[in-house]
Structures are given as structure tokens and as C-alpha cells.
């Protein structure tokens, strides 16, 4: 245990710090990739949401028209 002097402990500390630095950089790259994927899917989902909204509005208009036709036909 005498061989673990301050210089060796300092070197170990630097190596551990460098390892964590590499890990943080890897996570930053991964975060950037996730941001790209999120942006791509957000634009796709915006288009899908618009289509679903149009379909909903068409159904509402159809049901109102059907109700009006049934009411006028029964009177």
C-alpha cells in the first residue's frame, strides 16, 4: 500500500474525470440525436393531427345534417 502516493492518486483522479467527461459528451451526442428524431416525428404528427381534425369536423357536419334531415322528414 505504500506505492499509492499522491502522484498516483492524482493520476487516477484525472483518469476517472476523463472517463466521466467522455460519458457526458456521449450523452450530449445522444441528446442531439433524440432532438432530431423528436423534430422529425413532431412534424409528422402535426400533419396526422390535422387530418384527424378534418375527419372529426366532417363527421360532425354529417351528423348535424342527418339530424336535420330526420327532424324535417318527421314533421
PDB file of N, CA and C in Angstrom:
ATOM      1  N   UNK A   1       0.806  -1.200   0.000  1.00  0.00           N
ATOM      2  CA  UNK A   1       0.000   0.000   0.000  1.00  0.00           C
ATOM      3  C   UNK A   1       0.849   1.264   0.000  1.00  0.00           C
ATOM      4  N   UNK A   2       2.107   1.143   0.231  1.00  0.00           N
ATOM      5  CA  UNK A   2       2.981   2.316   0.225  1.00  0.00           C
ATOM      6  C   UNK A   2       3.124   2.912  -1.168  1.00  0.00           C
ATOM      7  N   UNK A   3       2.819   2.100  -2.201  1.00  0.00           N
ATOM      8  CA  UNK A   3       3.033   2.585  -3.563  1.00  0.00           C
ATOM      9  C   UNK A   3       1.943   3.548  -4.026  1.00  0.00           C
ATOM     10  N   UNK A   4       0.858   3.708  -3.281  1.00  0.00           N
ATOM     11  CA  UNK A   4      -0.198   4.641  -3.661  1.00  0.00           C
ATOM     12  C   UNK A   4       0.130   6.017  -3.105  1.00  0.00           C
ATOM     13  N   UNK A   5       1.001   6.669  -3.802  1.00  0.00           N
ATOM     14  CA  UNK A   5       1.384   8.009  -3.353  1.00  0.00           C
ATOM     15  C   UNK A   5       0.461   9.057  -3.973  1.00  0.00           C
ATOM     16  N   UNK A   6       0.685  10.289  -3.645  1.00  0.00           N
ATOM     17  CA  UNK A   6      -0.173  11.368  -4.122  1.00  0.00           C
ATOM     18  C   UNK A   6      -0.192  11.472  -5.639  1.00  0.00           C
ATOM     19  N   UNK A   7       0.959  11.241  -6.275  1.00  0.00           N
ATOM     20  CA  UNK A   7       1.007  11.340  -7.739  1.00  0.00           C
ATOM     21  C   UNK A   7       0.110  10.292  -8.396  1.00  0.00           C
ATOM     22  N   UNK A   8       0.139   9.083  -7.888  1.00  0.00           N
ATOM     23  CA  UNK A   8      -0.684   8.021  -8.471  1.00  0.00           C
ATOM     24  C   UNK A   8      -2.165   8.281  -8.214  1.00  0.00           C
ATOM     25  N   UNK A   9      -2.484   8.776  -7.047  1.00  0.00           N
ATOM     26  CA  UNK A   9      -3.878   9.114  -6.755  1.00  0.00           C
ATOM     27  C   UNK A   9      -4.362  10.263  -7.638  1.00  0.00           C
ATOM     28  N   UNK A  10      -3.498  11.229  -7.885  1.00  0.00           N
ATOM     29  CA  UNK A  10      -3.853  12.333  -8.781  1.00  0.00           C
ATOM     30  C   UNK A  10      -4.095  11.827 -10.199  1.00  0.00           C
ATOM     31  N   UNK A  11      -3.234  10.891 -10.649  1.00  0.00           N
ATOM     32  CA  UNK A  11      -3.418  10.332 -11.983  1.00  0.00           C
ATOM     33  C   UNK A  11      -4.732   9.556 -12.063  1.00  0.00           C
ATOM     34  N   UNK A  12      -5.028   8.766 -11.055  1.00  0.00           N
ATOM     35  CA  UNK A  12      -6.286   8.029 -11.028  1.00  0.00           C
ATOM     36  C   UNK A  12      -7.475   8.990 -11.065  1.00  0.00           C
ATOM     37  N   UNK A  13      -7.391  10.059 -10.318  1.00  0.00           N
ATOM     38  CA  UNK A  13      -8.457  11.053 -10.301  1.00  0.00           C
ATOM     39  C   UNK A  13      -8.650  11.670 -11.687  1.00  0.00           C
ATOM     40  N   UNK A  14      -7.546  11.984 -12.371  1.00  0.00           N
ATOM     41  CA  UNK A  14      -7.636  12.548 -13.725  1.00  0.00           C
ATOM     42  C   UNK A  14      -8.269  11.546 -14.688  1.00  0.00           C
ATOM     43  N   UNK A  15      -7.887  10.277 -14.573  1.00  0.00           N
ATOM     44  CA  UNK A  15      -8.447   9.265 -15.468  1.00  0.00           C
ATOM     45  C   UNK A  15      -9.941   9.100 -15.244  1.00  0.00           C
ATOM     46  N   UNK A  16     -10.351   9.098 -13.997  1.00  0.00           N
ATOM     47  CA  UNK A  16     -11.775   8.991 -13.691  1.00  0.00           C
ATOM     48  C   UNK A  16     -12.512  10.214 -14.223  1.00  0.00           C
ATOM     49  N   UNK A  17     -11.952  11.396 -14.020  1.00  0.00           N
ATOM     50  CA  UNK A  17     -12.566  12.622 -14.541  1.00  0.00           C
ATOM     51  C   UNK A  17     -12.695  12.571 -16.062  1.00  0.00           C
ATOM     52  N   UNK A  18     -11.654  12.098 -16.744  1.00  0.00           N
ATOM     53  CA  UNK A  18     -11.693  11.987 -18.210  1.00  0.00           C
ATOM     54  C   UNK A  18     -12.765  10.995 -18.653  1.00  0.00           C
ATOM     55  N   UNK A  19     -12.908   9.902 -17.905  1.00  0.00           N
ATOM     56  CA  UNK A  19     -13.943   8.919 -18.233  1.00  0.00           C
ATOM     57  C   UNK A  19     -15.331   9.527 -18.120  1.00  0.00           C
ATOM     58  N   UNK A  20     -15.567  10.298 -17.067  1.00  0.00           N
ATOM     59  CA  UNK A  20     -16.863  10.944 -16.923  1.00  0.00           C
ATOM     60  C   UNK A  20     -17.075  12.017 -17.982  1.00  0.00           C
ATOM     61  N   UNK A  21     -15.994  12.691 -18.380  1.00  0.00           N
ATOM     62  CA  UNK A  21     -16.108  13.700 -19.432  1.00  0.00           C
ATOM     63  C   UNK A  21     -16.534  13.037 -20.742  1.00  0.00           C
ATOM     64  N   UNK A  22     -15.924  11.891 -21.071  1.00  0.00           N
ATOM     65  CA  UNK A  22     -16.304  11.165 -22.286  1.00  0.00           C
ATOM     66  C   UNK A  22     -17.754  10.714 -22.211  1.00  0.00           C
ATOM     67  N   UNK A  23     -18.179  10.273 -21.033  1.00  0.00           N
ATOM     68  CA  UNK A  23     -19.548   9.824 -20.865  1.00  0.00           C
ATOM     69  C   UNK A  23     -20.521  10.989 -21.064  1.00  0.00           C
ATOM     70  N   UNK A  24     -20.209  12.151 -20.494  1.00  0.00           N
ATOM     71  CA  UNK A  24     -21.082  13.319 -20.658  1.00  0.00           C
ATOM     72  C   UNK A  24     -21.144  13.741 -22.124  1.00  0.00           C
ATOM     73  N   UNK A  25     -20.016  13.682 -22.831  1.00  0.00           N
ATOM     74  CA  UNK A  25     -20.014  14.031 -24.258  1.00  0.00           C
ATOM     75  C   UNK A  25     -20.860  13.046 -25.058  1.00  0.00           C
ATOM     76  N   UNK A  26     -20.783  11.766 -24.701  1.00  0.00           N
ATOM     77  CA  UNK A  26     -21.607  10.754 -25.372  1.00  0.00           C
ATOM     78  C   UNK A  26     -23.090  11.010 -25.151  1.00  0.00           C
ATOM     79  N   UNK A  27     -23.451  11.355 -23.923  1.00  0.00           N
ATOM     80  CA  UNK A  27     -24.849  11.670 -23.639  1.00  0.00           C
ATOM     81  C   UNK A  27     -25.289  12.915 -24.394  1.00  0.00           C
ATOM     82  N   UNK A  28     -24.413  13.895 -24.526  1.00  0.00           N
ATOM     83  CA  UNK A  28     -24.765  15.118 -25.266  1.00  0.00           C
ATOM     84  C   UNK A  28     -25.027  14.782 -26.737  1.00  0.00           C
ATOM     85  N   UNK A  29     -24.203  13.899 -27.319  1.00  0.00           N
ATOM     86  CA  UNK A  29     -24.426  13.482 -28.711  1.00  0.00           C
ATOM     87  C   UNK A  29     -25.751  12.726 -28.843  1.00  0.00           C
ATOM     88  N   UNK A  30     -26.022  11.878 -27.853  1.00  0.00           N
ATOM     89  CA  UNK A  30     -27.277  11.128 -27.878  1.00  0.00           C
ATOM     90  C   UNK A  30     -28.469  12.071 -27.749  1.00  0.00           C
ATOM     91  N   UNK A  31     -28.368  13.068 -26.887  1.00  0.00           N
ATOM     92  CA  UNK A  31     -29.448  14.052 -26.742  1.00  0.00           C
ATOM     93  C   UNK A  31     -29.703  14.783 -28.057  1.00  0.00           C
ATOM     94  N   UNK A  32     -28.636  15.108 -28.772  1.00  0.00           N
ATOM     95  CA  UNK A  32     -28.790  15.792 -30.061  1.00  0.00           C
ATOM     96  C   UNK A  32     -29.520  14.894 -31.054  1.00  0.00           C
ATOM     97  N   UNK A  33     -29.201  13.609 -31.057  1.00  0.00           N
ATOM     98  CA  UNK A  33     -29.879  12.673 -31.963  1.00  0.00           C
ATOM     99  C   UNK A  33     -31.358  12.538 -31.606  1.00  0.00           C
ATOM    100  N   UNK A  34     -31.646  12.456 -30.302  1.00  0.00           N
ATOM    101  CA  UNK A  34     -33.049  12.372 -29.878  1.00  0.00           C
ATOM    102  C   UNK A  34     -33.803  13.632 -30.281  1.00  0.00           C
ATOM    103  N   UNK A  35     -33.164  14.780 -30.203  1.00  0.00           N
ATOM    104  CA  UNK A  35     -33.807  16.034 -30.601  1.00  0.00           C
ATOM    105  C   UNK A  35     -34.143  16.005 -32.090  1.00  0.00           C
ATOM    106  N   UNK A  36     -33.248  15.454 -32.907  1.00  0.00           N
ATOM    107  CA  UNK A  36     -33.518  15.345 -34.341  1.00  0.00           C
ATOM    108  C   UNK A  36     -34.709  14.427 -34.611  1.00  0.00           C
ATOM    109  N   UNK A  37     -34.749  13.297 -33.913  1.00  0.00           N
ATOM    110  CA  UNK A  37     -35.852  12.350 -34.093  1.00  0.00           C
ATOM    111  C   UNK A  37     -37.167  12.983 -33.626  1.00  0.00           C
ATOM    112  N   UNK A  38     -37.127  13.674 -32.489  1.00  0.00           N
ATOM    113  CA  UNK A  38     -38.331  14.345 -31.988  1.00  0.00           C
ATOM    114  C   UNK A  38     -38.848  15.364 -32.990  1.00  0.00           C
ATOM    115  N   UNK A  39     -37.962  16.147 -33.574  1.00  0.00           N
ATOM    116  CA  UNK A  39     -38.381  17.156 -34.548  1.00  0.00           C
ATOM    117  C   UNK A  39     -39.023  16.493 -35.763  1.00  0.00           C
ATOM    118  N   UNK A  40     -38.455  15.381 -36.201  1.00  0.00           N
ATOM    119  CA  UNK A  40     -38.998  14.679 -37.359  1.00  0.00           C
ATOM    120  C   UNK A  40     -40.398  14.145 -37.055  1.00  0.00           C
ATOM    121  N   UNK A  41     -40.561  13.506 -35.900  1.00  0.00           N
ATOM    122  CA  UNK A  41     -41.864  12.946 -35.557  1.00  0.00           C
ATOM    123  C   UNK A  41     -42.880  14.032 -35.242  1.00  0.00           C
ATOM    124  N   UNK A  42     -42.448  15.135 -34.655  1.00  0.00           N
ATOM    125  CA  UNK A  42     -43.377  16.229 -34.370  1.00  0.00           C
ATOM    126  C   UNK A  42     -44.024  16.739 -35.656  1.00  0.00           C
ATOM    127  N   UNK A  43     -43.227  16.901 -36.696  1.00  0.00           N
ATOM    128  CA  UNK A  43     -43.795  17.385 -37.958  1.00  0.00           C
ATOM    129  C   UNK A  43     -44.749  16.351 -38.559  1.00  0.00           C
ATOM    130  N   UNK A  44     -44.420  15.067 -38.434  1.00  0.00           N
ATOM    131  CA  UNK A  44     -45.305  14.014 -38.952  1.00  0.00           C
ATOM    132  C   UNK A  44     -46.612  13.993 -38.165  1.00  0.00           C
ATOM    133  N   UNK A  45     -46.517  14.112 -36.844  1.00  0.00           N
ATOM    134  CA  UNK A  45     -47.724  14.072 -36.022  1.00  0.00           C
ATOM    135  C   UNK A  45     -48.584  15.312 -36.219  1.00  0.00           C
ATOM    136  N   UNK A  46     -47.978  16.444 -36.510  1.00  0.00           N
ATOM    137  CA  UNK A  46     -48.766  17.651 -36.799  1.00  0.00           C
ATOM    138  C   UNK A  46     -49.649  17.428 -38.017  1.00  0.00           C
ATOM    139  N   UNK A  47     -49.101  16.830 -39.050  1.00  0.00           N
ATOM    140  CA  UNK A  47     -49.887  16.527 -40.246  1.00  0.00           C
ATOM    141  C   UNK A  47     -50.985  15.518 -39.959  1.00  0.00           C
ATOM    142  N   UNK A  48     -50.675  14.510 -39.163  1.00  0.00           N
ATOM    143  CA  UNK A  48     -51.667  13.498 -38.804  1.00  0.00           C
ATOM    144  C   UNK A  48     -52.783  14.117 -37.964  1.00  0.00           C
ATOM    145  N   UNK A  49     -52.422  14.976 -37.026  1.00  0.00           N
ATOM    146  CA  UNK A  49     -53.435  15.647 -36.212  1.00  0.00           C
ATOM    147  C   UNK A  49     -54.364  16.502 -37.065  1.00  0.00           C
ATOM    148  N   UNK A  50     -53.825  17.176 -38.049  1.00  0.00           N
ATOM    149  CA  UNK A  50     -54.653  17.997 -38.936  1.00  0.00           C
ATOM    150  C   UNK A  50     -55.640  17.126 -39.702  1.00  0.00           C
ATOM    151  N   UNK A  51     -55.196  15.970 -40.156  1.00  0.00           N
ATOM    152  CA  UNK A  51     -56.088  15.070 -40.896  1.00  0.00           C
ATOM    153  C   UNK A  51     -57.180  14.515 -39.992  1.00  0.00           C
ATOM    154  N   UNK A  52     -56.833  14.168 -38.758  1.00  0.00           N
ATOM    155  CA  UNK A  52     -57.826  13.662 -37.812  1.00  0.00           C
ATOM    156  C   UNK A  52     -58.844  14.751 -37.481  1.00  0.00           C
ATOM    157  N   UNK A  53     -58.371  15.987 -37.314  1.00  0.00           N
ATOM    158  CA  UNK A  53     -59.294  17.105 -37.056  1.00  0.00           C
ATOM    159  C   UNK A  53     -60.287  17.271 -38.208  1.00  0.00           C
ATOM    160  N   UNK A  54     -59.801  17.201 -39.446  1.00  0.00           N
ATOM    161  CA  UNK A  54     -60.690  17.331 -40.601  1.00  0.00           C
ATOM    162  C   UNK A  54     -61.718  16.207 -40.614  1.00  0.00           C
ATOM    163  N   UNK A  55     -61.291  14.991 -40.328  1.00  0.00           N
ATOM    164  CA  UNK A  55     -62.212  13.865 -40.283  1.00  0.00           C
ATOM    165  C   UNK A  55     -63.282  14.077 -39.209  1.00  0.00           C
ATOM    166  N   UNK A  56     -62.885  14.571 -38.056  1.00  0.00           N
ATOM    167  CA  UNK A  56     -63.843  14.849 -36.976  1.00  0.00           C
ATOM    168  C   UNK A  56     -64.869  15.891 -37.407  1.00  0.00           C
ATOM    169  N   UNK A  57     -64.404  16.968 -38.032  1.00  0.00           N
ATOM    170  CA  UNK A  57     -65.316  18.016 -38.483  1.00  0.00           C
ATOM    171  C   UNK A  57     -66.297  17.484 -39.533  1.00  0.00           C
ATOM    172  N   UNK A  58     -65.822  16.642 -40.416  1.00  0.00           N
ATOM    173  CA  UNK A  58     -66.698  16.048 -41.429  1.00  0.00           C
ATOM    174  C   UNK A  58     -67.776  15.197 -40.753  1.00  0.00           C
ATOM    175  N   UNK A  59     -67.394  14.438 -39.747  1.00  0.00           N
ATOM    176  CA  UNK A  59     -68.373  13.618 -39.030  1.00  0.00           C
ATOM    177  C   UNK A  59     -69.413  14.479 -38.318  1.00  0.00           C
ATOM    178  N   UNK A  60     -68.976  15.571 -37.717  1.00  0.00           N
ATOM    179  CA  UNK A  60     -69.906  16.463 -37.026  1.00  0.00           C
ATOM    180  C   UNK A  60     -70.890  17.059 -38.017  1.00  0.00           C
ATOM    181  N   UNK A  61     -70.402  17.531 -39.145  1.00  0.00           N
ATOM    182  CA  UNK A  61     -71.285  18.111 -40.172  1.00  0.00           C
ATOM    183  C   UNK A  61     -72.257  17.052 -40.676  1.00  0.00           C
ATOM    184  N   UNK A  62     -71.776  15.842 -40.894  1.00  0.00           N
ATOM    185  CA  UNK A  62     -72.646  14.760 -41.358  1.00  0.00           C
ATOM    186  C   UNK A  62     -73.744  14.462 -40.336  1.00  0.00           C
ATOM    187  N   UNK A  63     -73.377  14.361 -39.067  1.00  0.00           N
ATOM    188  CA  UNK A  63     -74.371  14.063 -38.041  1.00  0.00           C
ATOM    189  C   UNK A  63     -75.394  15.182 -37.891  1.00  0.00           C
ATOM    190  N   UNK A  64     -74.957  16.425 -37.965  1.00  0.00           N
ATOM    191  CA  UNK A  64     -75.900  17.552 -37.896  1.00  0.00           C
ATOM    192  C   UNK A  64     -76.831  17.526 -39.102  1.00  0.00           C
ATOM    193  N   UNK A  65     -76.295  17.264 -40.265  1.00  0.00           N
ATOM    194  CA  UNK A  65     -77.120  17.187 -41.482  1.00  0.00           C
ATOM    195  C   UNK A  65     -78.108  16.031 -41.381  1.00  0.00           C
ATOM    196  N   UNK A  66     -77.678  14.899 -40.880  1.00  0.00           N
ATOM    197  CA  UNK A  66     -78.555  13.744 -40.724  1.00  0.00           C
ATOM    198  C   UNK A  66     -79.663  14.042 -39.722  1.00  0.00           C
ATOM    199  N   UNK A  67     -79.303  14.672 -38.601  1.00  0.00           N
ATOM    200  CA  UNK A  67     -80.308  15.035 -37.598  1.00  0.00           C
ATOM    201  C   UNK A  67     -81.311  16.015 -38.179  1.00  0.00           C
ATOM    202  N   UNK A  68     -80.840  17.000 -38.933  1.00  0.00           N
ATOM    203  CA  UNK A  68     -81.743  17.983 -39.545  1.00  0.00           C
ATOM    204  C   UNK A  68     -82.656  17.294 -40.554  1.00  0.00           C
ATOM    205  N   UNK A  69     -82.142  16.369 -41.334  1.00  0.00           N
ATOM    206  CA  UNK A  69     -82.965  15.659 -42.314  1.00  0.00           C
ATOM    207  C   UNK A  69     -84.005  14.813 -41.625  1.00  0.00           C
ATOM    208  N   UNK A  70     -83.650  14.126 -40.548  1.00  0.00           N
ATOM    209  CA  UNK A  70     -84.617  13.293 -39.831  1.00  0.00           C
ATOM    210  C   UNK A  70     -85.705  14.146 -39.164  1.00  0.00           C
ATOM    211  N   UNK A  71     -85.312  15.284 -38.640  1.00  0.00           N
ATOM    212  CA  UNK A  71     -86.281  16.170 -37.980  1.00  0.00           C
ATOM    213  C   UNK A  71     -87.260  16.736 -39.018  1.00  0.00           C
ATOM    214  N   UNK A  72     -86.742  17.194 -40.148  1.00  0.00           N
ATOM    215  CA  UNK A  72     -87.623  17.755 -41.167  1.00  0.00           C
ATOM    216  C   UNK A  72     -88.493  16.694 -41.819  1.00  0.00           C
ATOM    217  N   UNK A  73     -87.999  15.482 -41.922  1.00  0.00           N
ATOM    218  CA  UNK A  73     -88.759  14.400 -42.530  1.00  0.00           C
ATOM    219  C   UNK A  73     -89.886  13.942 -41.615  1.00  0.00           C
ATOM    220  N   UNK A  74     -89.672  13.989 -40.306  1.00  0.00           N
ATOM    221  CA  UNK A  74     -90.696  13.519 -39.363  1.00  0.00           C
ATOM    222  C   UNK A  74     -91.774  14.569 -39.114  1.00  0.00           C
ATOM    223  N   UNK A  75     -91.538  15.788 -39.483  1.00  0.00           N
ATOM    224  CA  UNK A  75     -92.514  16.860 -39.234  1.00  0.00           C
ATOM    225  C   UNK A  75     -93.500  16.942 -40.341  1.00  0.00           C
TER     226      UNK A  75
END
